[in-house]
Amino acid sequence: QLLALNTFAPQNEKVAKKYGKNYGTAADRAVYNGPFKVDDWKQEDKTLLSKNQYYWDKKKVKLDKVNYKVIKDLQAGASLYDTESVDDAVITADQVNKYKDNKGLNFVL
């Protein structure tokens, strides 16, 4: 069994040794095996992903790009979600009741 946190996922030993303590600290210092690869990453600001052309099941990947924006103010994030300015938002425990009956949402605890 694997732990859910990405930190505990299998790593490419060759690449990890190549970059040493800098492994995974920038978009060009990691290996990607999922449907997307990191094009740009600014810690605590944004992560830009693009479709991984080497992904084994790339024909089923519908999106070409994903843009994650870090929104530290969780109330502001919820408001952006409400106005459909973002597709995803982290909410506080106090905000759960507002969204709990929305069948289109999945809650990750």
C-alpha atoms as a PDB file:
ATOM      1  CA  GLN A   1       0.000   0.000   0.000  1.00  0.00           C
ATOM      2  CA  LEU A   2       1.104   3.542  -0.723  1.00  0.00           C
ATOM      3  CA  LEU A   3       0.379   6.610   1.316  1.00  0.00           C
ATOM      4  CA  ALA A   4      -1.828   9.163  -0.427  1.00  0.00           C
ATOM      5  CA  LEU A   5       0.549  12.124  -0.148  1.00  0.00           C
ATOM      6  CA  ASN A   6       2.625  12.600  -3.329  1.00  0.00           C
ATOM      7  CA  THR A   7       5.768  12.778  -1.228  1.00  0.00           C
ATOM      8  CA  PHE A   8       5.468   9.034  -0.649  1.00  0.00           C
ATOM      9  CA  ALA A   9       4.960   8.060  -4.313  1.00  0.00           C
ATOM     10  CA  PRO A  10       7.664   6.004  -6.056  1.00  0.00           C
ATOM     11  CA  GLN A  11      10.505   8.144  -7.391  1.00  0.00           C
ATOM     12  CA  ASN A  12      12.927   7.738 -10.280  1.00  0.00           C
ATOM     13  CA  GLU A  13      16.147   6.977  -8.421  1.00  0.00           C
ATOM     14  CA  LYS A  14      18.407   8.022 -11.318  1.00  0.00           C
ATOM     15  CA  VAL A  15      16.815  11.478 -11.593  1.00  0.00           C
ATOM     16  CA  ALA A  16      16.606  11.914  -7.808  1.00  0.00           C
ATOM     17  CA  LYS A  17      20.345  11.223  -7.504  1.00  0.00           C
ATOM     18  CA  LYS A  18      21.116  13.541 -10.435  1.00  0.00           C
ATOM     19  CA  TYR A  19      19.448  16.549  -8.777  1.00  0.00           C
ATOM     20  CA  GLY A  20      20.126  15.571  -5.169  1.00  0.00           C
ATOM     21  CA  LYS A  21      18.619  18.003  -2.679  1.00  0.00           C
ATOM     22  CA  ASN A  22      17.239  20.069  -5.603  1.00  0.00           C
ATOM     23  CA  TYR A  23      15.150  17.161  -6.919  1.00  0.00           C
ATOM     24  CA  GLY A  24      11.521  18.224  -7.256  1.00  0.00           C
ATOM     25  CA  THR A  25      12.196  21.876  -6.414  1.00  0.00           C
ATOM     26  CA  ALA A  26      11.380  23.134  -9.932  1.00  0.00           C
ATOM     27  CA  ALA A  27       9.329  21.976 -12.905  1.00  0.00           C
ATOM     28  CA  ASP A  28      12.444  20.854 -14.791  1.00  0.00           C
ATOM     29  CA  ARG A  29      13.857  18.883 -11.843  1.00  0.00           C
ATOM     30  CA  ALA A  30      11.290  16.087 -11.667  1.00  0.00           C
ATOM     31  CA  VAL A  31       9.904  13.176 -13.672  1.00  0.00           C
ATOM     32  CA  TYR A  32       6.240  12.966 -14.642  1.00  0.00           C
ATOM     33  CA  ASN A  33       4.344   9.766 -15.347  1.00  0.00           C
ATOM     34  CA  GLY A  34       0.744  10.948 -15.059  1.00  0.00           C
ATOM     35  CA  PRO A  35      -1.573  12.518 -17.616  1.00  0.00           C
ATOM     36  CA  PHE A  36      -0.016  15.974 -17.108  1.00  0.00           C
ATOM     37  CA  LYS A  37       3.458  17.433 -16.753  1.00  0.00           C
ATOM     38  CA  VAL A  38       4.422  20.591 -14.915  1.00  0.00           C
ATOM     39  CA  ASP A  39       5.329  23.463 -17.242  1.00  0.00           C
ATOM     40  CA  ASP A  40       5.655  26.176 -14.628  1.00  0.00           C
ATOM     41  CA  TRP A  41       5.546  26.173 -10.861  1.00  0.00           C
ATOM     42  CA  LYS A  42       5.814  29.148  -8.561  1.00  0.00           C
ATOM     43  CA  GLN A  43       5.593  28.039  -4.946  1.00  0.00           C
ATOM     44  CA  GLU A  44       2.544  29.424  -3.137  1.00  0.00           C
ATOM     45  CA  ASP A  45       1.372  31.128  -6.357  1.00  0.00           C
ATOM     46  CA  LYS A  46       0.556  28.870  -9.310  1.00  0.00           C
ATOM     47  CA  THR A  47       1.177  25.605 -11.124  1.00  0.00           C
ATOM     48  CA  LEU A  48       0.693  25.298 -14.884  1.00  0.00           C
ATOM     49  CA  LEU A  49       0.264  21.793 -16.299  1.00  0.00           C
ATOM     50  CA  SER A  50       0.069  20.528 -19.866  1.00  0.00           C
ATOM     51  CA  LYS A  51      -0.946  17.204 -21.347  1.00  0.00           C
ATOM     52  CA  ASN A  52       1.826  14.615 -21.103  1.00  0.00           C
ATOM     53  CA  GLN A  53       2.327  13.339 -24.663  1.00  0.00           C
ATOM     54  CA  TYR A  54       4.085  10.248 -23.271  1.00  0.00           C
ATOM     55  CA  TYR A  55       1.247   9.235 -20.951  1.00  0.00           C
ATOM     56  CA  TRP A  56       0.153   5.674 -21.715  1.00  0.00           C
ATOM     57  CA  ASP A  57      -3.558   6.582 -22.031  1.00  0.00           C
ATOM     58  CA  LYS A  58      -3.242  10.109 -23.460  1.00  0.00           C
ATOM     59  CA  LYS A  59      -6.191   9.645 -25.848  1.00  0.00           C
ATOM     60  CA  LYS A  60      -8.564   9.636 -22.883  1.00  0.00           C
ATOM     61  CA  VAL A  61      -7.162  12.854 -21.412  1.00  0.00           C
ATOM     62  CA  LYS A  62      -9.665  15.551 -22.412  1.00  0.00           C
ATOM     63  CA  LEU A  63      -7.830  18.646 -21.167  1.00  0.00           C
ATOM     64  CA  ASP A  64      -4.764  20.125 -22.842  1.00  0.00           C
ATOM     65  CA  LYS A  65      -3.840  22.395 -19.937  1.00  0.00           C
ATOM     66  CA  VAL A  66      -4.595  22.882 -16.256  1.00  0.00           C
ATOM     67  CA  ASN A  67      -3.932  26.135 -14.409  1.00  0.00           C
ATOM     68  CA  TYR A  68      -3.818  25.890 -10.620  1.00  0.00           C
ATOM     69  CA  LYS A  69      -3.807  29.204  -8.772  1.00  0.00           C
ATOM     70  CA  VAL A  70      -3.005  29.232  -5.067  1.00  0.00           C
ATOM     71  CA  ILE A  71      -5.689  31.212  -3.265  1.00  0.00           C
ATOM     72  CA  LYS A  72      -4.693  31.613   0.365  1.00  0.00           C
ATOM     73  CA  ASP A  73      -7.925  33.324   1.402  1.00  0.00           C
ATOM     74  CA  LEU A  74     -10.340  30.376   1.510  1.00  0.00           C
ATOM     75  CA  GLN A  75     -13.402  32.629   1.584  1.00  0.00           C
ATOM     76  CA  ALA A  76     -12.192  34.354  -1.574  1.00  0.00           C
ATOM     77  CA  GLY A  77     -11.606  30.937  -3.157  1.00  0.00           C
ATOM     78  CA  ALA A  78     -15.166  29.855  -2.352  1.00  0.00           C
ATOM     79  CA  SER A  79     -16.502  33.100  -3.815  1.00  0.00           C
ATOM     80  CA  LEU A  80     -14.526  32.524  -7.023  1.00  0.00           C
ATOM     81  CA  TYR A  81     -15.995  29.021  -7.189  1.00  0.00           C
ATOM     82  CA  ASP A  82     -19.516  30.394  -6.713  1.00  0.00           C
ATOM     83  CA  THR A  83     -19.049  32.753  -9.671  1.00  0.00           C
ATOM     84  CA  GLU A  84     -17.544  29.943 -11.795  1.00  0.00           C
ATOM     85  CA  SER A  85     -14.230  31.788 -12.010  1.00  0.00           C
ATOM     86  CA  VAL A  86     -12.460  28.625 -10.803  1.00  0.00           C
ATOM     87  CA  ASP A  87     -13.384  24.948 -11.118  1.00  0.00           C
ATOM     88  CA  ASP A  88     -11.923  23.859  -7.793  1.00  0.00           C
ATOM     89  CA  ALA A  89     -11.485  25.428  -4.379  1.00  0.00           C
ATOM     90  CA  VAL A  90     -10.395  24.472  -0.893  1.00  0.00           C
ATOM     91  CA  ILE A  91     -13.004  25.333   1.717  1.00  0.00           C
ATOM     92  CA  THR A  92     -13.028  25.525   5.492  1.00  0.00           C
ATOM     93  CA  ALA A  93     -14.998  23.215   7.767  1.00  0.00           C
ATOM     94  CA  ASP A  94     -17.390  26.114   8.386  1.00  0.00           C
ATOM     95  CA  GLN A  95     -18.186  26.281   4.656  1.00  0.00           C
ATOM     96  CA  VAL A  96     -19.011  22.577   4.206  1.00  0.00           C
ATOM     97  CA  ASN A  97     -22.714  22.968   5.021  1.00  0.00           C
ATOM     98  CA  LYS A  98     -23.115  25.461   2.177  1.00  0.00           C
ATOM     99  CA  TYR A  99     -21.931  22.901  -0.391  1.00  0.00           C
ATOM    100  CA  LYS A 100     -22.723  19.506   1.153  1.00  0.00           C
ATOM    101  CA  ASP A 101     -25.949  18.926  -0.816  1.00  0.00           C
ATOM    102  CA  ASN A 102     -24.421  19.804  -4.191  1.00  0.00           C
ATOM    103  CA  LYS A 103     -24.441  16.474  -6.078  1.00  0.00           C
ATOM    104  CA  GLY A 104     -21.872  17.757  -8.559  1.00  0.00           C
ATOM    105  CA  LEU A 105     -19.171  18.058  -5.925  1.00  0.00           C
ATOM    106  CA  ASN A 106     -16.791  15.534  -4.455  1.00  0.00           C
ATOM    107  CA  PHE A 107     -15.414  16.168  -1.009  1.00  0.00           C
ATOM    108  CA  VAL A 108     -11.849  15.121  -0.263  1.00  0.00           C
ATOM    109  CA  LEU A 109     -11.089  14.965   3.428  1.00  0.00           C
END
